[in-house]
Amino acid sequence: MIEVRQQGAFSVNSVGMERRPFPLSFSVREAEGLWRVRAGAAQAGELADLLVSVANDAVAVVSLETNSYLDEDWHPARPSLIAAELGVPCTVHSLGSWAVGTNGLAEEFLVMDRDLLPRLLDGSWSPYELPL
């Protein structure tokens, strides 16, 4: 699992009014068949290539939070709508009310070919709380 937490929500890999680059540091380790990445000042797109290189055939986007895609009530758009907007084909699995109140689990999750992940995380928007 690679998870970009809320610290990456607002493109924190730059600093100051001039938005000078901030050094990216991260560590990667495997534990019980999962890859754990701890990153500082990273955007999700900066880690996409790493995930693609170690993922099997498919990637599941289990949850997704963002301030980049909001609905008319100022809530984050559903992951499937974001993927559609970005032209990323995927299979949508609805969890509905079963997922409500479960931390780290959205009402739907997406499954896509691993090679499509860089298209989803193309740097044009800022996801956070992104368990993959």
N, C-alpha and C. Protein backbone atom coordinates (compact mmCIF):
# COMPACT_ATOMS: atom_id res chain seq x y z
N MET A 1 0.85 -1.17 0.00
CA MET A 1 0.00 0.00 0.00
C MET A 1 0.89 1.23 0.00
N ILE A 2 0.58 2.17 -0.85
CA ILE A 2 1.22 3.48 -0.80
C ILE A 2 0.12 4.45 -0.42
N GLU A 3 0.38 5.26 0.59
CA GLU A 3 -0.64 6.16 1.09
C GLU A 3 -0.04 7.55 1.21
N VAL A 4 -0.62 8.52 0.54
CA VAL A 4 -0.19 9.91 0.65
C VAL A 4 -1.16 10.58 1.61
N ARG A 5 -0.67 10.99 2.73
CA ARG A 5 -1.52 11.56 3.78
C ARG A 5 -1.79 13.04 3.52
N GLN A 6 -2.53 13.66 4.40
CA GLN A 6 -2.99 15.03 4.22
C GLN A 6 -1.86 16.04 4.11
N GLN A 7 -0.65 15.71 4.56
CA GLN A 7 0.44 16.64 4.45
C GLN A 7 0.76 16.95 3.00
N GLY A 8 0.33 16.11 2.06
CA GLY A 8 0.56 16.34 0.64
C GLY A 8 -0.60 17.04 -0.06
N ALA A 9 -1.59 17.48 0.70
CA ALA A 9 -2.82 17.99 0.10
C ALA A 9 -2.63 19.25 -0.73
N PHE A 10 -1.71 20.08 -0.36
CA PHE A 10 -1.58 21.37 -1.02
C PHE A 10 -0.21 21.55 -1.66
N SER A 11 0.30 20.49 -2.28
CA SER A 11 1.56 20.55 -3.02
C SER A 11 2.70 21.07 -2.16
N VAL A 12 2.92 20.44 -1.02
CA VAL A 12 3.91 20.93 -0.07
C VAL A 12 5.35 20.68 -0.49
N ASN A 13 5.58 20.24 -1.72
CA ASN A 13 6.97 20.05 -2.11
C ASN A 13 7.56 21.34 -2.67
N SER A 14 6.99 22.45 -2.33
CA SER A 14 7.58 23.75 -2.62
C SER A 14 7.40 24.60 -1.38
N VAL A 15 8.22 25.64 -1.29
CA VAL A 15 8.18 26.45 -0.09
C VAL A 15 8.35 27.92 -0.47
N GLY A 16 7.72 28.79 0.30
CA GLY A 16 7.87 30.22 0.10
C GLY A 16 7.01 30.80 -0.99
N MET A 17 7.01 32.12 -1.09
CA MET A 17 6.20 32.80 -2.09
C MET A 17 6.67 32.50 -3.51
N GLU A 18 7.96 32.21 -3.66
CA GLU A 18 8.48 31.88 -4.99
C GLU A 18 8.26 30.42 -5.33
N ARG A 19 7.74 29.62 -4.39
CA ARG A 19 7.47 28.19 -4.56
C ARG A 19 8.73 27.44 -5.00
N ARG A 20 9.83 27.71 -4.32
CA ARG A 20 11.07 27.01 -4.61
C ARG A 20 10.92 25.54 -4.24
N PRO A 21 11.54 24.66 -5.01
CA PRO A 21 11.42 23.22 -4.72
C PRO A 21 11.94 22.88 -3.34
N PHE A 22 11.25 21.99 -2.69
CA PHE A 22 11.63 21.48 -1.38
C PHE A 22 12.12 20.06 -1.58
N PRO A 23 13.20 19.68 -0.93
CA PRO A 23 13.73 18.33 -1.16
C PRO A 23 12.72 17.24 -0.83
N LEU A 24 12.66 16.25 -1.69
CA LEU A 24 11.81 15.09 -1.48
C LEU A 24 12.65 14.02 -0.80
N SER A 25 12.14 13.49 0.28
CA SER A 25 12.81 12.35 0.92
C SER A 25 11.77 11.29 1.21
N PHE A 26 12.14 10.04 0.95
CA PHE A 26 11.23 8.97 1.25
C PHE A 26 12.00 7.68 1.46
N SER A 27 11.34 6.77 2.16
CA SER A 27 11.92 5.44 2.35
C SER A 27 10.90 4.42 1.89
N VAL A 28 11.40 3.29 1.42
CA VAL A 28 10.55 2.23 0.92
C VAL A 28 10.99 0.93 1.58
N ARG A 29 10.02 0.16 2.06
CA ARG A 29 10.35 -1.16 2.59
C ARG A 29 9.19 -2.10 2.34
N GLU A 30 9.51 -3.37 2.24
CA GLU A 30 8.48 -4.38 2.02
C GLU A 30 8.22 -5.07 3.34
N ALA A 31 6.95 -5.27 3.65
CA ALA A 31 6.57 -5.97 4.88
C ALA A 31 5.36 -6.84 4.56
N GLU A 32 5.53 -8.14 4.66
CA GLU A 32 4.45 -9.10 4.46
C GLU A 32 3.75 -8.91 3.11
N GLY A 33 4.53 -8.70 2.06
CA GLY A 33 3.97 -8.58 0.73
C GLY A 33 3.45 -7.20 0.37
N LEU A 34 3.53 -6.25 1.29
CA LEU A 34 3.11 -4.87 1.02
C LEU A 34 4.33 -3.98 1.00
N TRP A 35 4.30 -2.94 0.17
CA TRP A 35 5.37 -1.96 0.12
C TRP A 35 4.94 -0.76 0.93
N ARG A 36 5.76 -0.35 1.88
CA ARG A 36 5.45 0.81 2.71
C ARG A 36 6.39 1.94 2.32
N VAL A 37 5.81 3.06 1.95
CA VAL A 37 6.57 4.24 1.56
C VAL A 37 6.27 5.34 2.56
N ARG A 38 7.30 5.89 3.13
CA ARG A 38 7.15 7.05 4.01
C ARG A 38 7.81 8.20 3.27
N ALA A 39 7.06 9.25 3.02
CA ALA A 39 7.59 10.35 2.22
C ALA A 39 7.36 11.66 2.92
N GLY A 40 8.28 12.55 2.75
CA GLY A 40 8.14 13.92 3.23
C GLY A 40 8.15 14.85 2.04
N ALA A 41 7.24 15.78 2.03
CA ALA A 41 7.14 16.78 0.97
C ALA A 41 6.97 16.13 -0.40
N ALA A 42 6.10 15.15 -0.48
CA ALA A 42 5.87 14.45 -1.74
C ALA A 42 4.44 14.66 -2.22
N GLN A 43 4.28 14.73 -3.52
CA GLN A 43 2.96 14.70 -4.11
C GLN A 43 2.73 13.27 -4.59
N ALA A 44 1.47 12.89 -4.67
CA ALA A 44 1.13 11.52 -5.07
C ALA A 44 1.74 11.16 -6.42
N GLY A 45 1.73 12.09 -7.36
CA GLY A 45 2.28 11.83 -8.69
C GLY A 45 3.76 11.49 -8.67
N GLU A 46 4.48 11.99 -7.67
CA GLU A 46 5.90 11.71 -7.56
C GLU A 46 6.17 10.27 -7.15
N LEU A 47 5.17 9.62 -6.60
CA LEU A 47 5.32 8.24 -6.16
C LEU A 47 4.66 7.25 -7.12
N ALA A 48 3.95 7.75 -8.12
CA ALA A 48 3.21 6.87 -9.03
C ALA A 48 4.13 5.89 -9.76
N ASP A 49 5.27 6.37 -10.24
CA ASP A 49 6.19 5.48 -10.96
C ASP A 49 6.68 4.35 -10.07
N LEU A 50 6.90 4.65 -8.80
CA LEU A 50 7.35 3.62 -7.86
C LEU A 50 6.28 2.55 -7.71
N LEU A 51 5.04 2.95 -7.55
CA LEU A 51 3.96 1.98 -7.40
C LEU A 51 3.79 1.15 -8.66
N VAL A 52 3.82 1.79 -9.81
CA VAL A 52 3.65 1.07 -11.08
C VAL A 52 4.72 0.00 -11.21
N SER A 53 5.93 0.30 -10.76
CA SER A 53 7.03 -0.66 -10.92
C SER A 53 6.91 -1.87 -10.01
N VAL A 54 6.16 -1.76 -8.91
CA VAL A 54 6.05 -2.90 -7.99
C VAL A 54 4.66 -3.51 -7.95
N ALA A 55 3.68 -2.86 -8.57
CA ALA A 55 2.31 -3.38 -8.54
C ALA A 55 2.17 -4.57 -9.47
N ASN A 56 1.20 -5.41 -9.18
CA ASN A 56 0.86 -6.48 -10.12
C ASN A 56 0.13 -5.86 -11.29
N ASP A 57 -0.85 -6.51 -11.84
CA ASP A 57 -1.53 -6.01 -13.04
C ASP A 57 -2.46 -4.83 -12.78
N ALA A 58 -3.02 -4.74 -11.59
CA ALA A 58 -4.04 -3.73 -11.31
C ALA A 58 -3.72 -2.98 -10.03
N VAL A 59 -4.29 -1.77 -9.94
CA VAL A 59 -4.18 -0.93 -8.75
C VAL A 59 -5.58 -0.61 -8.29
N ALA A 60 -5.82 -0.68 -6.99
CA ALA A 60 -7.12 -0.29 -6.42
C ALA A 60 -6.96 1.04 -5.69
N VAL A 61 -7.77 2.01 -6.05
CA VAL A 61 -7.84 3.28 -5.33
C VAL A 61 -8.95 3.10 -4.30
N VAL A 62 -8.55 2.88 -3.05
CA VAL A 62 -9.49 2.51 -2.00
C VAL A 62 -10.25 3.72 -1.45
N SER A 63 -9.60 4.85 -1.44
CA SER A 63 -10.21 6.07 -0.95
C SER A 63 -9.48 7.24 -1.59
N LEU A 64 -10.11 8.39 -1.61
CA LEU A 64 -9.50 9.54 -2.26
C LEU A 64 -10.13 10.81 -1.70
N GLU A 65 -9.31 11.70 -1.21
CA GLU A 65 -9.77 13.01 -0.76
C GLU A 65 -9.03 14.05 -1.57
N THR A 66 -9.70 15.14 -1.87
CA THR A 66 -9.07 16.23 -2.62
C THR A 66 -9.87 17.51 -2.44
N ASN A 67 -9.19 18.61 -2.58
CA ASN A 67 -9.85 19.91 -2.64
C ASN A 67 -9.86 20.43 -4.07
N SER A 68 -9.32 19.65 -4.99
CA SER A 68 -9.22 20.05 -6.39
C SER A 68 -10.51 19.82 -7.17
N TYR A 69 -11.26 18.80 -6.81
CA TYR A 69 -12.54 18.47 -7.47
C TYR A 69 -13.62 18.47 -6.40
N LEU A 70 -14.46 19.51 -6.42
CA LEU A 70 -15.52 19.64 -5.43
C LEU A 70 -16.88 19.66 -6.13
N ASP A 71 -17.89 19.09 -5.46
CA ASP A 71 -19.24 19.14 -6.02
C ASP A 71 -19.90 20.47 -5.66
N GLU A 72 -21.18 20.61 -6.00
CA GLU A 72 -21.88 21.87 -5.76
C GLU A 72 -22.05 22.21 -4.28
N ASP A 73 -21.90 21.21 -3.39
CA ASP A 73 -21.98 21.45 -1.95
C ASP A 73 -20.59 21.57 -1.32
N TRP A 74 -19.56 21.71 -2.12
CA TRP A 74 -18.17 21.86 -1.68
C TRP A 74 -17.62 20.60 -1.01
N HIS A 75 -18.15 19.44 -1.36
CA HIS A 75 -17.61 18.16 -0.90
C HIS A 75 -16.73 17.59 -2.01
N PRO A 76 -15.72 16.80 -1.64
CA PRO A 76 -14.89 16.18 -2.69
C PRO A 76 -15.74 15.32 -3.62
N ALA A 77 -15.43 15.39 -4.89
CA ALA A 77 -16.15 14.58 -5.88
C ALA A 77 -15.81 13.11 -5.69
N ARG A 78 -16.72 12.24 -6.12
CA ARG A 78 -16.47 10.80 -6.04
C ARG A 78 -15.26 10.44 -6.90
N PRO A 79 -14.47 9.47 -6.47
CA PRO A 79 -13.29 9.07 -7.25
C PRO A 79 -13.62 8.71 -8.70
N SER A 80 -14.76 8.08 -8.95
CA SER A 80 -15.12 7.71 -10.32
C SER A 80 -15.33 8.93 -11.21
N LEU A 81 -15.86 10.01 -10.65
CA LEU A 81 -16.05 11.23 -11.43
C LEU A 81 -14.72 11.90 -11.74
N ILE A 82 -13.79 11.84 -10.79
CA ILE A 82 -12.46 12.40 -11.02
C ILE A 82 -11.75 11.61 -12.12
N ALA A 83 -11.81 10.29 -12.03
CA ALA A 83 -11.18 9.44 -13.04
C ALA A 83 -11.80 9.72 -14.42
N ALA A 84 -13.11 9.86 -14.49
CA ALA A 84 -13.77 10.15 -15.76
C ALA A 84 -13.32 11.50 -16.31
N GLU A 85 -13.24 12.49 -15.46
CA GLU A 85 -12.79 13.83 -15.88
C GLU A 85 -11.38 13.79 -16.45
N LEU A 86 -10.54 12.93 -15.88
CA LEU A 86 -9.15 12.82 -16.34
C LEU A 86 -8.98 11.81 -17.47
N GLY A 87 -10.07 11.16 -17.88
CA GLY A 87 -10.01 10.20 -18.98
C GLY A 87 -9.30 8.91 -18.61
N VAL A 88 -9.46 8.48 -17.37
CA VAL A 88 -8.81 7.26 -16.89
C VAL A 88 -9.85 6.15 -16.81
N PRO A 89 -9.80 5.15 -17.70
CA PRO A 89 -10.76 4.05 -17.62
C PRO A 89 -10.49 3.19 -16.39
N CYS A 90 -11.57 2.82 -15.72
CA CYS A 90 -11.44 2.00 -14.52
C CYS A 90 -12.77 1.30 -14.25
N THR A 91 -12.71 0.32 -13.37
CA THR A 91 -13.92 -0.36 -12.91
C THR A 91 -14.28 0.22 -11.56
N VAL A 92 -15.53 0.57 -11.38
CA VAL A 92 -16.00 1.18 -10.13
C VAL A 92 -16.76 0.14 -9.33
N HIS A 93 -16.39 0.00 -8.07
CA HIS A 93 -17.08 -0.92 -7.16
C HIS A 93 -17.71 -0.09 -6.05
N SER A 94 -19.01 -0.12 -5.97
CA SER A 94 -19.73 0.65 -4.97
C SER A 94 -19.81 -0.11 -3.66
N LEU A 95 -19.46 0.56 -2.59
CA LEU A 95 -19.60 -0.01 -1.25
C LEU A 95 -20.80 0.60 -0.52
N GLY A 96 -21.27 1.73 -1.02
CA GLY A 96 -22.46 2.37 -0.47
C GLY A 96 -22.37 2.65 1.01
N SER A 97 -23.48 2.45 1.70
CA SER A 97 -23.56 2.78 3.13
C SER A 97 -22.67 1.89 3.99
N TRP A 98 -22.24 0.76 3.45
CA TRP A 98 -21.36 -0.13 4.21
C TRP A 98 -20.08 0.57 4.61
N ALA A 99 -19.61 1.50 3.78
CA ALA A 99 -18.34 2.18 4.02
C ALA A 99 -18.47 3.44 4.88
N VAL A 100 -19.68 3.94 5.07
CA VAL A 100 -19.88 5.19 5.80
C VAL A 100 -19.31 5.06 7.21
N GLY A 101 -18.50 6.04 7.57
CA GLY A 101 -17.91 6.07 8.91
C GLY A 101 -16.69 5.19 9.06
N THR A 102 -16.27 4.51 8.00
CA THR A 102 -15.07 3.67 8.07
C THR A 102 -13.88 4.49 7.60
N ASN A 103 -12.95 4.75 8.50
CA ASN A 103 -11.79 5.56 8.19
C ASN A 103 -10.97 4.91 7.07
N GLY A 104 -10.61 5.69 6.06
CA GLY A 104 -9.78 5.21 4.97
C GLY A 104 -10.51 4.40 3.92
N LEU A 105 -11.84 4.44 3.94
CA LEU A 105 -12.62 3.68 2.97
C LEU A 105 -13.71 4.58 2.40
N ALA A 106 -13.72 4.73 1.09
CA ALA A 106 -14.72 5.56 0.43
C ALA A 106 -15.96 4.75 0.13
N GLU A 107 -17.03 5.42 -0.31
CA GLU A 107 -18.25 4.72 -0.68
C GLU A 107 -18.09 3.94 -1.98
N GLU A 108 -17.01 4.18 -2.68
CA GLU A 108 -16.68 3.42 -3.87
C GLU A 108 -15.17 3.31 -3.97
N PHE A 109 -14.72 2.27 -4.66
CA PHE A 109 -13.30 2.20 -4.95
C PHE A 109 -13.11 1.85 -6.42
N LEU A 110 -11.97 2.23 -6.93
CA LEU A 110 -11.67 2.07 -8.34
C LEU A 110 -10.60 1.00 -8.53
N VAL A 111 -10.71 0.25 -9.60
CA VAL A 111 -9.67 -0.70 -9.98
C VAL A 111 -9.28 -0.36 -11.41
N MET A 112 -7.98 -0.18 -11.62
CA MET A 112 -7.49 0.20 -12.94
C MET A 112 -6.19 -0.52 -13.25
N ASP A 113 -5.86 -0.58 -14.51
CA ASP A 113 -4.58 -1.12 -14.93
C ASP A 113 -3.47 -0.28 -14.31
N ARG A 114 -2.46 -0.92 -13.82
CA ARG A 114 -1.39 -0.20 -13.10
C ARG A 114 -0.75 0.88 -13.97
N ASP A 115 -0.69 0.68 -15.27
CA ASP A 115 -0.06 1.64 -16.15
C ASP A 115 -0.87 2.93 -16.31
N LEU A 116 -2.12 2.93 -15.84
CA LEU A 116 -2.96 4.12 -15.92
C LEU A 116 -2.81 5.04 -14.71
N LEU A 117 -2.14 4.55 -13.66
CA LEU A 117 -2.00 5.36 -12.45
C LEU A 117 -1.31 6.70 -12.71
N PRO A 118 -0.23 6.77 -13.50
CA PRO A 118 0.35 8.08 -13.76
C PRO A 118 -0.61 9.05 -14.45
N ARG A 119 -1.55 8.54 -15.24
CA ARG A 119 -2.54 9.42 -15.86
C ARG A 119 -3.49 9.98 -14.80
N LEU A 120 -3.87 9.14 -13.83
CA LEU A 120 -4.73 9.63 -12.74
C LEU A 120 -3.99 10.65 -11.88
N LEU A 121 -2.75 10.37 -11.57
CA LEU A 121 -1.94 11.25 -10.71
C LEU A 121 -1.02 12.10 -11.58
N ASP A 122 -1.61 12.86 -12.48
CA ASP A 122 -0.84 13.58 -13.50
C ASP A 122 -0.24 14.90 -13.03
N GLY A 123 -0.45 15.28 -11.79
CA GLY A 123 0.10 16.54 -11.28
C GLY A 123 -0.77 17.75 -11.51
N SER A 124 -1.90 17.59 -12.18
CA SER A 124 -2.78 18.72 -12.45
C SER A 124 -3.74 19.00 -11.29
N TRP A 125 -3.72 18.15 -10.27
CA TRP A 125 -4.60 18.31 -9.12
C TRP A 125 -3.90 17.71 -7.91
N SER A 126 -4.47 17.93 -6.72
CA SER A 126 -3.80 17.52 -5.48
C SER A 126 -4.64 16.55 -4.67
N PRO A 127 -4.39 15.24 -4.81
CA PRO A 127 -5.08 14.28 -3.94
C PRO A 127 -4.37 14.15 -2.61
N TYR A 128 -5.10 13.73 -1.59
CA TYR A 128 -4.51 13.40 -0.30
C TYR A 128 -5.37 12.31 0.33
N GLU A 129 -4.91 11.75 1.45
CA GLU A 129 -5.61 10.61 2.02
C GLU A 129 -5.92 9.62 0.91
N LEU A 130 -4.88 9.11 0.29
CA LEU A 130 -4.99 8.32 -0.93
C LEU A 130 -4.42 6.92 -0.74
N PRO A 131 -5.16 6.01 -0.10
CA PRO A 131 -4.69 4.63 -0.01
C PRO A 131 -4.86 3.92 -1.36
N LEU A 132 -3.78 3.30 -1.83
CA LEU A 132 -3.80 2.58 -3.09
C LEU A 132 -3.51 1.12 -2.83
